[in-house]
Amino acid sequence: ENFADGKKKGKSKPGRVKRSGASCKGSVTSLRKKAKNSSGEKSKMYHWCANMKSGKKKK
């Protein structure tokens, strides 16, 4: 699949989280707080982690 914004499919997120210096430890709310305080890729990864955590609870 080609995405218009140039994102490549199949980028593994865990590696990106480590590289950006974000960690998925902690509660969803604390991750969101950290995301607000950090910028760029790091805050994206915090948001992603928080979304993953909150998503798992719904199932």
Foldseek 3Di string as FASTA:
>chain_A
DADPVRDDPPDDLVVLQVVVPHDLDDALVVLQVVLVVDDDSNSVSSPVSSCVVVVVVVD
